[in-house]
Amino acid sequence: MHELSLMQSVMDILLESAEQNNICKINKVKLVVGRFSMALPDSLQFAFEAIATSEPLLDGAFLEIETRSIICQCLECGKKTELEDSYQFVCSGCESAKVEIIQGRELYLDYYEGD
């Protein structure tokens, strides 16, 4: 489960930032997770809850996860295509396989709120 190590890295960033900004309690954390990042939001949530209970600064904090879909842009016709359930990287307009992924690889800490 690589989500546990990903969340531990997020926690390390949060703790360091909170210390630098004199924050005593973190109340909310927002992550952005693209579907192509292969990080599972449910597993990230589970890892967050497991780690946060052992860290007083994060105990009781709420994790919000924004999931981003995979969007490709055709290099032939320029059309943007959102991939639903399959990973068929083909333009829905001209059926070209020359596409570029422009969204869906995200995996980052967007912001956190604290006191």
PDB file of N, CA and C in Angstrom:
ATOM      1  N   MET A   1       0.846  -1.179   0.000  1.00  0.00           N
ATOM      2  CA  MET A   1       0.000   0.000   0.000  1.00  0.00           C
ATOM      3  C   MET A   1       0.888   1.237   0.000  1.00  0.00           C
ATOM      4  N   HIS A   2       1.122   1.796  -1.167  1.00  0.00           N
ATOM      5  CA  HIS A   2       1.990   2.964  -1.248  1.00  0.00           C
ATOM      6  C   HIS A   2       1.297   4.227  -0.738  1.00  0.00           C
ATOM      7  N   GLU A   3      -0.017   4.181  -0.542  1.00  0.00           N
ATOM      8  CA  GLU A   3      -0.743   5.341  -0.017  1.00  0.00           C
ATOM      9  C   GLU A   3      -0.278   5.699   1.395  1.00  0.00           C
ATOM     10  N   LEU A   4       0.121   4.703   2.172  1.00  0.00           N
ATOM     11  CA  LEU A   4       0.598   4.960   3.529  1.00  0.00           C
ATOM     12  C   LEU A   4       1.876   5.791   3.502  1.00  0.00           C
ATOM     13  N   SER A   5       2.807   5.450   2.633  1.00  0.00           N
ATOM     14  CA  SER A   5       4.048   6.227   2.541  1.00  0.00           C
ATOM     15  C   SER A   5       3.781   7.605   1.926  1.00  0.00           C
ATOM     16  N   LEU A   6       2.842   7.691   0.992  1.00  0.00           N
ATOM     17  CA  LEU A   6       2.466   9.000   0.436  1.00  0.00           C
ATOM     18  C   LEU A   6       1.884   9.894   1.526  1.00  0.00           C
ATOM     19  N   MET A   7       1.009   9.330   2.325  1.00  0.00           N
ATOM     20  CA  MET A   7       0.378  10.122   3.381  1.00  0.00           C
ATOM     21  C   MET A   7       1.383  10.486   4.465  1.00  0.00           C
ATOM     22  N   GLN A   8       2.345   9.624   4.734  1.00  0.00           N
ATOM     23  CA  GLN A   8       3.377   9.970   5.712  1.00  0.00           C
ATOM     24  C   GLN A   8       4.190  11.168   5.216  1.00  0.00           C
ATOM     25  N   SER A   9       4.461  11.215   3.920  1.00  0.00           N
ATOM     26  CA  SER A   9       5.169  12.368   3.349  1.00  0.00           C
ATOM     27  C   SER A   9       4.334  13.642   3.462  1.00  0.00           C
ATOM     28  N   VAL A  10       3.033  13.525   3.227  1.00  0.00           N
ATOM     29  CA  VAL A  10       2.138  14.681   3.383  1.00  0.00           C
ATOM     30  C   VAL A  10       2.153  15.151   4.832  1.00  0.00           C
ATOM     31  N   MET A  11       2.095  14.211   5.763  1.00  0.00           N
ATOM     32  CA  MET A  11       2.118  14.557   7.187  1.00  0.00           C
ATOM     33  C   MET A  11       3.416  15.268   7.566  1.00  0.00           C
ATOM     34  N   ASP A  12       4.524  14.796   7.027  1.00  0.00           N
ATOM     35  CA  ASP A  12       5.809  15.441   7.310  1.00  0.00           C
ATOM     36  C   ASP A  12       5.808  16.887   6.821  1.00  0.00           C
ATOM     37  N   ILE A  13       5.257  17.117   5.640  1.00  0.00           N
ATOM     38  CA  ILE A  13       5.158  18.476   5.087  1.00  0.00           C
ATOM     39  C   ILE A  13       4.261  19.338   5.971  1.00  0.00           C
ATOM     40  N   LEU A  14       3.134  18.781   6.392  1.00  0.00           N
ATOM     41  CA  LEU A  14       2.202  19.525   7.250  1.00  0.00           C
ATOM     42  C   LEU A  14       2.859  19.917   8.575  1.00  0.00           C
ATOM     43  N   LEU A  15       3.522  18.972   9.197  1.00  0.00           N
ATOM     44  CA  LEU A  15       4.150  19.243  10.490  1.00  0.00           C
ATOM     45  C   LEU A  15       5.240  20.297  10.380  1.00  0.00           C
ATOM     46  N   GLU A  16       6.036  20.207   9.335  1.00  0.00           N
ATOM     47  CA  GLU A  16       7.097  21.191   9.133  1.00  0.00           C
ATOM     48  C   GLU A  16       6.512  22.587   8.869  1.00  0.00           C
ATOM     49  N   SER A  17       5.501  22.650   8.034  1.00  0.00           N
ATOM     50  CA  SER A  17       4.875  23.935   7.724  1.00  0.00           C
ATOM     51  C   SER A  17       4.181  24.535   8.946  1.00  0.00           C
ATOM     52  N   ALA A  18       3.499  23.682   9.705  1.00  0.00           N
ATOM     53  CA  ALA A  18       2.817  24.165  10.911  1.00  0.00           C
ATOM     54  C   ALA A  18       3.820  24.735  11.911  1.00  0.00           C
ATOM     55  N   GLU A  19       4.946  24.079  12.052  1.00  0.00           N
ATOM     56  CA  GLU A  19       5.979  24.571  12.975  1.00  0.00           C
ATOM     57  C   GLU A  19       6.527  25.922  12.504  1.00  0.00           C
ATOM     58  N   GLN A  20       6.783  26.041  11.211  1.00  0.00           N
ATOM     59  CA  GLN A  20       7.312  27.289  10.654  1.00  0.00           C
ATOM     60  C   GLN A  20       6.324  28.444  10.782  1.00  0.00           C
ATOM     61  N   ASN A  21       5.023  28.128  10.804  1.00  0.00           N
ATOM     62  CA  ASN A  21       3.993  29.166  10.845  1.00  0.00           C
ATOM     63  C   ASN A  21       3.299  29.279  12.199  1.00  0.00           C
ATOM     64  N   ASN A  22       3.890  28.674  13.230  1.00  0.00           N
ATOM     65  CA  ASN A  22       3.371  28.728  14.595  1.00  0.00           C
ATOM     66  C   ASN A  22       1.910  28.279  14.693  1.00  0.00           C
ATOM     67  N   ILE A  23       1.579  27.199  14.015  1.00  0.00           N
ATOM     68  CA  ILE A  23       0.233  26.632  14.066  1.00  0.00           C
ATOM     69  C   ILE A  23       0.235  25.497  15.079  1.00  0.00           C
ATOM     70  N   CYS A  24      -0.702  25.563  16.022  1.00  0.00           N
ATOM     71  CA  CYS A  24      -0.753  24.581  17.109  1.00  0.00           C
ATOM     72  C   CYS A  24      -1.702  23.424  16.823  1.00  0.00           C
ATOM     73  N   LYS A  25      -2.648  23.619  15.918  1.00  0.00           N
ATOM     74  CA  LYS A  25      -3.656  22.597  15.635  1.00  0.00           C
ATOM     75  C   LYS A  25      -4.080  22.712  14.172  1.00  0.00           C
ATOM     76  N   ILE A  26      -4.039  21.594  13.454  1.00  0.00           N
ATOM     77  CA  ILE A  26      -4.502  21.552  12.071  1.00  0.00           C
ATOM     78  C   ILE A  26      -5.914  20.983  12.076  1.00  0.00           C
ATOM     79  N   ASN A  27      -6.842  21.727  11.442  1.00  0.00           N
ATOM     80  CA  ASN A  27      -8.246  21.336  11.441  1.00  0.00           C
ATOM     81  C   ASN A  27      -8.696  20.679  10.137  1.00  0.00           C
ATOM     82  N   LYS A  28      -8.125  21.124   9.024  1.00  0.00           N
ATOM     83  CA  LYS A  28      -8.559  20.621   7.724  1.00  0.00           C
ATOM     84  C   LYS A  28      -7.363  20.539   6.788  1.00  0.00           C
ATOM     85  N   VAL A  29      -7.354  19.492   5.963  1.00  0.00           N
ATOM     86  CA  VAL A  29      -6.307  19.282   4.972  1.00  0.00           C
ATOM     87  C   VAL A  29      -7.003  18.961   3.652  1.00  0.00           C
ATOM     88  N   LYS A  30      -6.548  19.591   2.575  1.00  0.00           N
ATOM     89  CA  LYS A  30      -7.123  19.285   1.265  1.00  0.00           C
ATOM     90  C   LYS A  30      -6.042  18.766   0.335  1.00  0.00           C
ATOM     91  N   LEU A  31      -6.310  17.581  -0.229  1.00  0.00           N
ATOM     92  CA  LEU A  31      -5.432  16.967  -1.220  1.00  0.00           C
ATOM     93  C   LEU A  31      -6.134  16.959  -2.566  1.00  0.00           C
ATOM     94  N   VAL A  32      -5.347  17.064  -3.635  1.00  0.00           N
ATOM     95  CA  VAL A  32      -5.850  16.900  -4.995  1.00  0.00           C
ATOM     96  C   VAL A  32      -5.198  15.641  -5.541  1.00  0.00           C
ATOM     97  N   VAL A  33      -6.037  14.713  -6.010  1.00  0.00           N
ATOM     98  CA  VAL A  33      -5.560  13.414  -6.471  1.00  0.00           C
ATOM     99  C   VAL A  33      -6.128  13.131  -7.859  1.00  0.00           C
ATOM    100  N   GLY A  34      -5.250  13.021  -8.827  1.00  0.00           N
ATOM    101  CA  GLY A  34      -5.667  12.654 -10.173  1.00  0.00           C
ATOM    102  C   GLY A  34      -5.830  11.150 -10.294  1.00  0.00           C
ATOM    103  N   ARG A  35      -6.785  10.728 -11.106  1.00  0.00           N
ATOM    104  CA  ARG A  35      -7.037   9.291 -11.264  1.00  0.00           C
ATOM    105  C   ARG A  35      -5.836   8.556 -11.847  1.00  0.00           C
ATOM    106  N   PHE A  36      -5.033   9.231 -12.658  1.00  0.00           N
ATOM    107  CA  PHE A  36      -3.883   8.580 -13.285  1.00  0.00           C
ATOM    108  C   PHE A  36      -2.686   8.488 -12.336  1.00  0.00           C
ATOM    109  N   SER A  37      -2.780   9.119 -11.175  1.00  0.00           N
ATOM    110  CA  SER A  37      -1.700   9.024 -10.180  1.00  0.00           C
ATOM    111  C   SER A  37      -1.678   7.637  -9.542  1.00  0.00           C
ATOM    112  N   MET A  38      -2.766   6.903  -9.689  1.00  0.00           N
ATOM    113  CA  MET A  38      -2.925   5.553  -9.154  1.00  0.00           C
ATOM    114  C   MET A  38      -2.959   5.510  -7.624  1.00  0.00           C
ATOM    115  N   ALA A  39      -3.142   6.663  -6.987  1.00  0.00           N
ATOM    116  CA  ALA A  39      -3.337   6.697  -5.541  1.00  0.00           C
ATOM    117  C   ALA A  39      -4.830   6.592  -5.277  1.00  0.00           C
ATOM    118  N   LEU A  40      -5.219   5.688  -4.419  1.00  0.00           N
ATOM    119  CA  LEU A  40      -6.630   5.447  -4.140  1.00  0.00           C
ATOM    120  C   LEU A  40      -7.113   6.366  -3.025  1.00  0.00           C
ATOM    121  N   PRO A  41      -8.119   7.207  -3.307  1.00  0.00           N
ATOM    122  CA  PRO A  41      -8.617   8.134  -2.285  1.00  0.00           C
ATOM    123  C   PRO A  41      -9.044   7.454  -0.985  1.00  0.00           C
ATOM    124  N   ASP A  42      -9.718   6.310  -1.058  1.00  0.00           N
ATOM    125  CA  ASP A  42     -10.131   5.607   0.165  1.00  0.00           C
ATOM    126  C   ASP A  42      -8.929   5.155   0.990  1.00  0.00           C
ATOM    127  N   SER A  43      -7.895   4.691   0.315  1.00  0.00           N
ATOM    128  CA  SER A  43      -6.683   4.257   1.016  1.00  0.00           C
ATOM    129  C   SER A  43      -5.939   5.449   1.607  1.00  0.00           C
ATOM    130  N   LEU A  44      -5.935   6.578   0.890  1.00  0.00           N
ATOM    131  CA  LEU A  44      -5.326   7.798   1.431  1.00  0.00           C
ATOM    132  C   LEU A  44      -6.077   8.261   2.678  1.00  0.00           C
ATOM    133  N   GLN A  45      -7.399   8.196   2.626  1.00  0.00           N
ATOM    134  CA  GLN A  45      -8.228   8.581   3.784  1.00  0.00           C
ATOM    135  C   GLN A  45      -7.921   7.686   4.978  1.00  0.00           C
ATOM    136  N   PHE A  46      -7.842   6.386   4.734  1.00  0.00           N
ATOM    137  CA  PHE A  46      -7.538   5.433   5.798  1.00  0.00           C
ATOM    138  C   PHE A  46      -6.161   5.715   6.405  1.00  0.00           C
ATOM    139  N   ALA A  47      -5.172   5.945   5.547  1.00  0.00           N
ATOM    140  CA  ALA A  47      -3.813   6.227   6.016  1.00  0.00           C
ATOM    141  C   ALA A  47      -3.781   7.528   6.817  1.00  0.00           C
ATOM    142  N   PHE A  48      -4.502   8.537   6.344  1.00  0.00           N
ATOM    143  CA  PHE A  48      -4.565   9.817   7.058  1.00  0.00           C
ATOM    144  C   PHE A  48      -5.112   9.615   8.470  1.00  0.00           C
ATOM    145  N   GLU A  49      -6.220   8.898   8.563  1.00  0.00           N
ATOM    146  CA  GLU A  49      -6.838   8.672   9.872  1.00  0.00           C
ATOM    147  C   GLU A  49      -5.927   7.876  10.799  1.00  0.00           C
ATOM    148  N   ALA A  50      -5.234   6.900  10.253  1.00  0.00           N
ATOM    149  CA  ALA A  50      -4.329   6.082  11.065  1.00  0.00           C
ATOM    150  C   ALA A  50      -3.161   6.902  11.591  1.00  0.00           C
ATOM    151  N   ILE A  51      -2.599   7.756  10.765  1.00  0.00           N
ATOM    152  CA  ILE A  51      -1.441   8.550  11.169  1.00  0.00           C
ATOM    153  C   ILE A  51      -1.860   9.722  12.049  1.00  0.00           C
ATOM    154  N   ALA A  52      -2.975  10.362  11.718  1.00  0.00           N
ATOM    155  CA  ALA A  52      -3.403  11.569  12.441  1.00  0.00           C
ATOM    156  C   ALA A  52      -3.722  11.298  13.905  1.00  0.00           C
ATOM    157  N   THR A  53      -4.204  10.114  14.222  1.00  0.00           N
ATOM    158  CA  THR A  53      -4.545   9.814  15.614  1.00  0.00           C
ATOM    159  C   THR A  53      -3.321   9.747  16.510  1.00  0.00           C
ATOM    160  N   SER A  54      -2.156   9.498  15.932  1.00  0.00           N
ATOM    161  CA  SER A  54      -0.931   9.425  16.735  1.00  0.00           C
ATOM    162  C   SER A  54      -0.173  10.746  16.771  1.00  0.00           C
ATOM    163  N   GLU A  55      -0.697  11.755  16.103  1.00  0.00           N
ATOM    164  CA  GLU A  55      -0.043  13.070  16.059  1.00  0.00           C
ATOM    165  C   GLU A  55      -0.990  14.117  16.650  1.00  0.00           C
ATOM    166  N   PRO A  56      -0.685  14.638  17.847  1.00  0.00           N
ATOM    167  CA  PRO A  56      -1.583  15.592  18.501  1.00  0.00           C
ATOM    168  C   PRO A  56      -1.955  16.802  17.634  1.00  0.00           C
ATOM    169  N   LEU A  57      -1.041  17.280  16.828  1.00  0.00           N
ATOM    170  CA  LEU A  57      -1.298  18.436  15.970  1.00  0.00           C
ATOM    171  C   LEU A  57      -2.393  18.144  14.946  1.00  0.00           C
ATOM    172  N   LEU A  58      -2.540  16.879  14.566  1.00  0.00           N
ATOM    173  CA  LEU A  58      -3.498  16.485  13.527  1.00  0.00           C
ATOM    174  C   LEU A  58      -4.709  15.728  14.057  1.00  0.00           C
ATOM    175  N   ASP A  59      -4.728  15.424  15.344  1.00  0.00           N
ATOM    176  CA  ASP A  59      -5.824  14.643  15.903  1.00  0.00           C
ATOM    177  C   ASP A  59      -7.153  15.369  15.705  1.00  0.00           C
ATOM    178  N   GLY A  60      -8.098  14.709  15.061  1.00  0.00           N
ATOM    179  CA  GLY A  60      -9.408  15.299  14.792  1.00  0.00           C
ATOM    180  C   GLY A  60      -9.483  16.108  13.515  1.00  0.00           C
ATOM    181  N   ALA A  61      -8.389  16.183  12.773  1.00  0.00           N
ATOM    182  CA  ALA A  61      -8.381  16.955  11.517  1.00  0.00           C
ATOM    183  C   ALA A  61      -9.231  16.251  10.458  1.00  0.00           C
ATOM    184  N   PHE A  62      -9.814  17.050   9.566  1.00  0.00           N
ATOM    185  CA  PHE A  62     -10.656  16.546   8.480  1.00  0.00           C
ATOM    186  C   PHE A  62      -9.848  16.563   7.191  1.00  0.00           C
ATOM    187  N   LEU A  63      -9.885  15.457   6.456  1.00  0.00           N
ATOM    188  CA  LEU A  63      -9.206  15.367   5.170  1.00  0.00           C
ATOM    189  C   LEU A  63     -10.230  15.463   4.052  1.00  0.00           C
ATOM    190  N   GLU A  64     -10.045  16.431   3.166  1.00  0.00           N
ATOM    191  CA  GLU A  64     -10.870  16.560   1.966  1.00  0.00           C
ATOM    192  C   GLU A  64     -10.004  16.149   0.775  1.00  0.00           C
ATOM    193  N   ILE A  65     -10.544  15.279  -0.061  1.00  0.00           N
ATOM    194  CA  ILE A  65      -9.820  14.828  -1.245  1.00  0.00           C
ATOM    195  C   ILE A  65     -10.618  15.210  -2.481  1.00  0.00           C
ATOM    196  N   GLU A  66     -10.001  16.012  -3.334  1.00  0.00           N
ATOM    197  CA  GLU A  66     -10.599  16.363  -4.622  1.00  0.00           C
ATOM    198  C   GLU A  66     -10.001  15.434  -5.666  1.00  0.00           C
ATOM    199  N   THR A  67     -10.858  14.676  -6.325  1.00  0.00           N
ATOM    200  CA  THR A  67     -10.405  13.739  -7.345  1.00  0.00           C
ATOM    201  C   THR A  67     -10.524  14.386  -8.716  1.00  0.00           C
ATOM    202  N   ARG A  68      -9.453  14.320  -9.473  1.00  0.00           N
ATOM    203  CA  ARG A  68      -9.448  14.880 -10.830  1.00  0.00           C
ATOM    204  C   ARG A  68      -9.489  13.746 -11.845  1.00  0.00           C
ATOM    205  N   SER A  69     -10.349  13.902 -12.831  1.00  0.00           N
ATOM    206  CA  SER A  69     -10.463  12.898 -13.893  1.00  0.00           C
ATOM    207  C   SER A  69      -9.278  13.015 -14.853  1.00  0.00           C
ATOM    208  N   ILE A  70      -9.163  12.019 -15.713  1.00  0.00           N
ATOM    209  CA  ILE A  70      -8.102  12.022 -16.719  1.00  0.00           C
ATOM    210  C   ILE A  70      -8.641  12.695 -17.976  1.00  0.00           C
ATOM    211  N   ILE A  71      -7.960  13.732 -18.415  1.00  0.00           N
ATOM    212  CA  ILE A  71      -8.342  14.441 -19.638  1.00  0.00           C
ATOM    213  C   ILE A  71      -7.141  14.457 -20.572  1.00  0.00           C
ATOM    214  N   CYS A  72      -7.400  14.046 -21.811  1.00  0.00           N
ATOM    215  CA  CYS A  72      -6.379  14.058 -22.858  1.00  0.00           C
ATOM    216  C   CYS A  72      -6.756  15.098 -23.905  1.00  0.00           C
ATOM    217  N   GLN A  73      -5.741  15.676 -24.512  1.00  0.00           N
ATOM    218  CA  GLN A  73      -5.967  16.596 -25.627  1.00  0.00           C
ATOM    219  C   GLN A  73      -5.308  16.012 -26.868  1.00  0.00           C
ATOM    220  N   CYS A  74      -6.076  15.984 -27.953  1.00  0.00           N
ATOM    221  CA  CYS A  74      -5.591  15.420 -29.203  1.00  0.00           C
ATOM    222  C   CYS A  74      -4.566  16.356 -29.836  1.00  0.00           C
ATOM    223  N   LEU A  75      -3.456  15.799 -30.248  1.00  0.00           N
ATOM    224  CA  LEU A  75      -2.419  16.576 -30.913  1.00  0.00           C
ATOM    225  C   LEU A  75      -2.718  16.767 -32.397  1.00  0.00           C
ATOM    226  N   GLU A  76      -3.734  16.070 -32.893  1.00  0.00           N
ATOM    227  CA  GLU A  76      -4.133  16.196 -34.298  1.00  0.00           C
ATOM    228  C   GLU A  76      -5.217  17.260 -34.469  1.00  0.00           C
ATOM    229  N   CYS A  77      -6.340  17.092 -33.741  1.00  0.00           N
ATOM    230  CA  CYS A  77      -7.479  18.004 -33.932  1.00  0.00           C
ATOM    231  C   CYS A  77      -7.683  18.981 -32.775  1.00  0.00           C
ATOM    232  N   GLY A  78      -7.009  18.755 -31.636  1.00  0.00           N
ATOM    233  CA  GLY A  78      -7.108  19.665 -30.505  1.00  0.00           C
ATOM    234  C   GLY A  78      -8.243  19.383 -29.542  1.00  0.00           C
ATOM    235  N   LYS A  79      -9.091  18.406 -29.825  1.00  0.00           N
ATOM    236  CA  LYS A  79     -10.228  18.099 -28.964  1.00  0.00           C
ATOM    237  C   LYS A  79      -9.761  17.514 -27.633  1.00  0.00           C
ATOM    238  N   LYS A  80     -10.458  17.915 -26.583  1.00  0.00           N
ATOM    239  CA  LYS A  80     -10.187  17.360 -25.251  1.00  0.00           C
ATOM    240  C   LYS A  80     -11.160  16.231 -24.983  1.00  0.00           C
ATOM    241  N   THR A  81     -10.651  15.124 -24.445  1.00  0.00           N
ATOM    242  CA  THR A  81     -11.450  13.936 -24.167  1.00  0.00           C
ATOM    243  C   THR A  81     -11.240  13.527 -22.721  1.00  0.00           C
ATOM    244  N   GLU A  82     -12.332  13.339 -21.992  1.00  0.00           N
ATOM    245  CA  GLU A  82     -12.246  12.836 -20.623  1.00  0.00           C
ATOM    246  C   GLU A  82     -12.369  11.325 -20.660  1.00  0.00           C
ATOM    247  N   LEU A  83     -11.409  10.649 -20.039  1.00  0.00           N
ATOM    248  CA  LEU A  83     -11.435   9.193 -19.985  1.00  0.00           C
ATOM    249  C   LEU A  83     -12.262   8.767 -18.781  1.00  0.00           C
ATOM    250  N   GLU A  84     -13.230   7.929 -19.017  1.00  0.00           N
ATOM    251  CA  GLU A  84     -14.118   7.475 -17.953  1.00  0.00           C
ATOM    252  C   GLU A  84     -13.565   6.217 -17.285  1.00  0.00           C
ATOM    253  N   ASP A  85     -13.988   5.081 -17.724  1.00  0.00           N
ATOM    254  CA  ASP A  85     -13.622   3.825 -17.070  1.00  0.00           C
ATOM    255  C   ASP A  85     -12.435   3.127 -17.699  1.00  0.00           C
ATOM    256  N   SER A  86     -12.200   3.371 -18.962  1.00  0.00           N
ATOM    257  CA  SER A  86     -11.103   2.683 -19.637  1.00  0.00           C
ATOM    258  C   SER A  86      -9.932   3.637 -19.840  1.00  0.00           C
ATOM    259  N   TYR A  87      -8.791   3.067 -20.013  1.00  0.00           N
ATOM    260  CA  TYR A  87      -7.600   3.862 -20.286  1.00  0.00           C
ATOM    261  C   TYR A  87      -7.229   3.725 -21.753  1.00  0.00           C
ATOM    262  N   GLN A  88      -8.191   4.030 -22.625  1.00  0.00           N
ATOM    263  CA  GLN A  88      -7.954   4.015 -24.062  1.00  0.00           C
ATOM    264  C   GLN A  88      -7.613   5.435 -24.473  1.00  0.00           C
ATOM    265  N   PHE A  89      -6.343   5.668 -24.697  1.00  0.00           N
ATOM    266  CA  PHE A  89      -5.867   7.009 -25.009  1.00  0.00           C
ATOM    267  C   PHE A  89      -6.038   7.287 -26.496  1.00  0.00           C
ATOM    268  N   VAL A  90      -7.304   7.499 -26.861  1.00  0.00           N
ATOM    269  CA  VAL A  90      -7.671   7.753 -28.249  1.00  0.00           C
ATOM    270  C   VAL A  90      -8.624   8.937 -28.263  1.00  0.00           C
ATOM    271  N   CYS A  91      -8.437   9.845 -29.187  1.00  0.00           N
ATOM    272  CA  CYS A  91      -9.295  11.017 -29.323  1.00  0.00           C
ATOM    273  C   CYS A  91     -10.726  10.590 -29.646  1.00  0.00           C
ATOM    274  N   SER A  92     -11.675  11.157 -28.941  1.00  0.00           N
ATOM    275  CA  SER A  92     -13.085  10.827 -29.192  1.00  0.00           C
ATOM    276  C   SER A  92     -13.613  11.529 -30.442  1.00  0.00           C
ATOM    277  N   GLY A  93     -12.848  12.482 -30.968  1.00  0.00           N
ATOM    278  CA  GLY A  93     -13.273  13.193 -32.164  1.00  0.00           C
ATOM    279  C   GLY A  93     -12.771  12.563 -33.444  1.00  0.00           C
ATOM    280  N   CYS A  94     -11.450  12.463 -33.566  1.00  0.00           N
ATOM    281  CA  CYS A  94     -10.855  11.958 -34.820  1.00  0.00           C
ATOM    282  C   CYS A  94     -10.250  10.565 -34.673  1.00  0.00           C
ATOM    283  N   GLU A  95     -10.309   9.994 -33.487  1.00  0.00           N
ATOM    284  CA  GLU A  95      -9.792   8.661 -33.165  1.00  0.00           C
ATOM    285  C   GLU A  95      -8.277   8.522 -33.319  1.00  0.00           C
ATOM    286  N   SER A  96      -7.576   9.623 -33.244  1.00  0.00           N
ATOM    287  CA  SER A  96      -6.116   9.594 -33.289  1.00  0.00           C
ATOM    288  C   SER A  96      -5.575   9.097 -31.955  1.00  0.00           C
ATOM    289  N   ALA A  97      -4.466   8.404 -32.008  1.00  0.00           N
ATOM    290  CA  ALA A  97      -3.801   7.947 -30.788  1.00  0.00           C
ATOM    291  C   ALA A  97      -2.746   8.955 -30.323  1.00  0.00           C
ATOM    292  N   LYS A  98      -2.625  10.042 -31.042  1.00  0.00           N
ATOM    293  CA  LYS A  98      -1.658  11.079 -30.677  1.00  0.00           C
ATOM    294  C   LYS A  98      -2.331  12.059 -29.715  1.00  0.00           C
ATOM    295  N   VAL A  99      -2.300  11.689 -28.442  1.00  0.00           N
ATOM    296  CA  VAL A  99      -2.921  12.516 -27.416  1.00  0.00           C
ATOM    297  C   VAL A  99      -1.920  12.805 -26.301  1.00  0.00           C
ATOM    298  N   GLU A 100      -2.183  13.880 -25.602  1.00  0.00           N
ATOM    299  CA  GLU A 100      -1.355  14.284 -24.461  1.00  0.00           C
ATOM    300  C   GLU A 100      -2.247  14.350 -23.236  1.00  0.00           C
ATOM    301  N   ILE A 101      -1.783  13.768 -22.133  1.00  0.00           N
ATOM    302  CA  ILE A 101      -2.544  13.833 -20.882  1.00  0.00           C
ATOM    303  C   ILE A 101      -2.338  15.231 -20.302  1.00  0.00           C
ATOM    304  N   ILE A 102      -3.446  15.972 -20.149  1.00  0.00           N
ATOM    305  CA  ILE A 102      -3.342  17.334 -19.620  1.00  0.00           C
ATOM    306  C   ILE A 102      -3.907  17.456 -18.206  1.00  0.00           C
ATOM    307  N   GLN A 103      -4.580  16.410 -17.738  1.00  0.00           N
ATOM    308  CA  GLN A 103      -5.095  16.399 -16.370  1.00  0.00           C
ATOM    309  C   GLN A 103      -5.238  14.962 -15.915  1.00  0.00           C
ATOM    310  N   GLY A 104      -5.003  14.746 -14.632  1.00  0.00           N
ATOM    311  CA  GLY A 104      -5.200  13.420 -14.060  1.00  0.00           C
ATOM    312  C   GLY A 104      -3.983  12.847 -13.374  1.00  0.00           C
ATOM    313  N   ARG A 105      -2.839  13.515 -13.519  1.00  0.00           N
ATOM    314  CA  ARG A 105      -1.607  13.029 -12.866  1.00  0.00           C
ATOM    315  C   ARG A 105      -1.356  13.707 -11.518  1.00  0.00           C
ATOM    316  N   GLU A 106      -2.226  14.622 -11.147  1.00  0.00           N
ATOM    317  CA  GLU A 106      -2.010  15.417  -9.944  1.00  0.00           C
ATOM    318  C   GLU A 106      -1.975  14.556  -8.680  1.00  0.00           C
ATOM    319  N   LEU A 107      -1.155  14.960  -7.764  1.00  0.00           N
ATOM    320  CA  LEU A 107      -1.115  14.392  -6.423  1.00  0.00           C
ATOM    321  C   LEU A 107      -0.365  15.405  -5.569  1.00  0.00           C
ATOM    322  N   TYR A 108      -1.133  16.304  -4.945  1.00  0.00           N
ATOM    323  CA  TYR A 108      -0.479  17.347  -4.158  1.00  0.00           C
ATOM    324  C   TYR A 108      -1.363  17.841  -3.023  1.00  0.00           C
ATOM    325  N   LEU A 109      -0.700  18.440  -2.053  1.00  0.00           N
ATOM    326  CA  LEU A 109      -1.363  19.080  -0.916  1.00  0.00           C
ATOM    327  C   LEU A 109      -1.786  20.460  -1.385  1.00  0.00           C
ATOM    328  N   ASP A 110      -3.087  20.703  -1.460  1.00  0.00           N
ATOM    329  CA  ASP A 110      -3.596  21.981  -1.950  1.00  0.00           C
ATOM    330  C   ASP A 110      -3.490  23.044  -0.855  1.00  0.00           C
ATOM    331  N   TYR A 111      -4.024  22.736   0.334  1.00  0.00           N
ATOM    332  CA  TYR A 111      -3.922  23.679   1.451  1.00  0.00           C
ATOM    333  C   TYR A 111      -4.271  22.965   2.744  1.00  0.00           C
ATOM    334  N   TYR A 112      -4.025  23.659   3.842  1.00  0.00           N
ATOM    335  CA  TYR A 112      -4.503  23.180   5.143  1.00  0.00           C
ATOM    336  C   TYR A 112      -4.927  24.381   5.958  1.00  0.00           C
ATOM    337  N   GLU A 113      -5.826  24.131   6.916  1.00  0.00           N
ATOM    338  CA  GLU A 113      -6.314  25.174   7.803  1.00  0.00           C
ATOM    339  C   GLU A 113      -5.972  24.785   9.230  1.00  0.00           C
ATOM    340  N   GLY A 114      -5.606  25.764  10.023  1.00  0.00           N
ATOM    341  CA  GLY A 114      -5.271  25.476  11.410  1.00  0.00           C
ATOM    342  C   GLY A 114      -5.328  26.707  12.284  1.00  0.00           C
ATOM    343  N   ASP A 115      -5.104  26.500  13.564  1.00  0.00           N
ATOM    344  CA  ASP A 115      -5.110  27.576  14.557  1.00  0.00           C
ATOM    345  C   ASP A 115      -3.720  27.765  15.131  1.00  0.00           C
TER     346      ASP A 115
END
